[in-house]
């Protein structure tokens, strides 16, 4: 027992005596492989895996080849800002990517093409206490009359705010919906959530985007907002003044 106490005492003296530089020498380094699988807006896998830019913070970056992967050799343990991007695709941004470096590691990500849905016209109205968005869209979806999976109709998402600079990153609330209409025809959607958010006399601003069939969300830690990186071209911003009842 006495010998054990002496050993613990000596080990304590050793570790407390380590300098900052000696502690840093204990950092792990290893290989990290990042792989990409691309999909189109209908969630169909694509063959071309090249040309995706992978960045770790502001110091390391690489472009994938036809295999869709890249290995960062001897990467130091630490926290990085991981960004994966390519024109025509929604970007992946992980502002708190942790790499431990204890052993070789691999990560896989799927990249989705941006929605090609175009909102040609947009109207905003109200029926009693229900806000209504309507308009005309163009899309490439083969509209299905069936409610069984897969459901091929264009998805839309409407963002609302009390300011005119409303967007997918600047909103108070949003609602996702679909339009099972043929190309260049009207969509019509009731928005029930706004009755509890806006008061009579308030001006509501909205913008609508086409949304990828297999949508997913990233989190912007700086803005503390969820956002979808695969949205299409936004509509024009429309406003509506909530009437007095």
Foldseek 3Di string as FASTA:
>chain_A
DVVVVVVVVVVVVVVVPDDPVNVVVPWAWAKEKEAEWEAELQRHTDQALWAKWKDWAPPDIDTDHSRRMDMDGGDTWDFTWIWIDDPQWFIDTDRGHGDRNPYYYYYYDYIYGAAPKDFPDWDWDDDVLKIKIKGWIAHDWPQDPDPDPPGTFWKKKKFKDLDQVTDQLDGDDMDIDTASDHGGDMDMDIDNPCSVPDDAFGKMKMKMWTARSPWDWDADPVSRHIGTRRTHDIDRIDMDGHHDD
